[in-house]
Amino acid sequence: MFSCLGLGLITGCASVIPPCGAKTSPPSSELKNTKWELTRWNLPPNSNGEVRVRQIPLGDASNPIQIIVDADGQRLSGSTGCNRFTATLDEDARGFTLKHITRTKMACTPQRMELENDFLYQLNDYRSIVRNGDQLLMIGVDREVLSFTQKSISKQ
């Protein structure tokens, strides 16, 4: 019984996390004109198998970490909580990659800059992105999982 259950769990996980070197995401057309706010950041399990949660500060001037996909599905922009960034989306059959990432250069605390750099790394070097309604999970090659919640896009 236990071995069957274990095999089922392994098989179930295999369908969520692609093989090493693979990259999967929903087509950018499914993400057009959407805004996502980072609500949870799980670090890889420790040596005891326990998942650790990375603290996500709200950001300077209450500016949360967020990503926005434009109406054409060709650009991604957002906030790292301190700086703003923008990038073009380069898409193939497996998923999308960020190209030409640019960001502002605001003075941030060293801790905030570390978080920003880690966030942009995860955003560009993910292994899988899974959308489930108003939730978006980004699974990194290092097994970190970033959870986003969809937010409404305000008209400006």
Foldseek 3Di string as FASTA:
>chain_A
DVVVVVVVVVVVVPVQFDDPPFAAEPQLQVQEFWKKFWDWKWAQQDPVRDIDTDDFDCAPPSFTFMWGQYNVSFKIWGDLRYKIKIFTWDDDPHGTATHDIDIDDGDDDPVSVVSSVVVVCQVGAFRYWDDDPQWIWTAHSNRMITIIGIDHDDDD
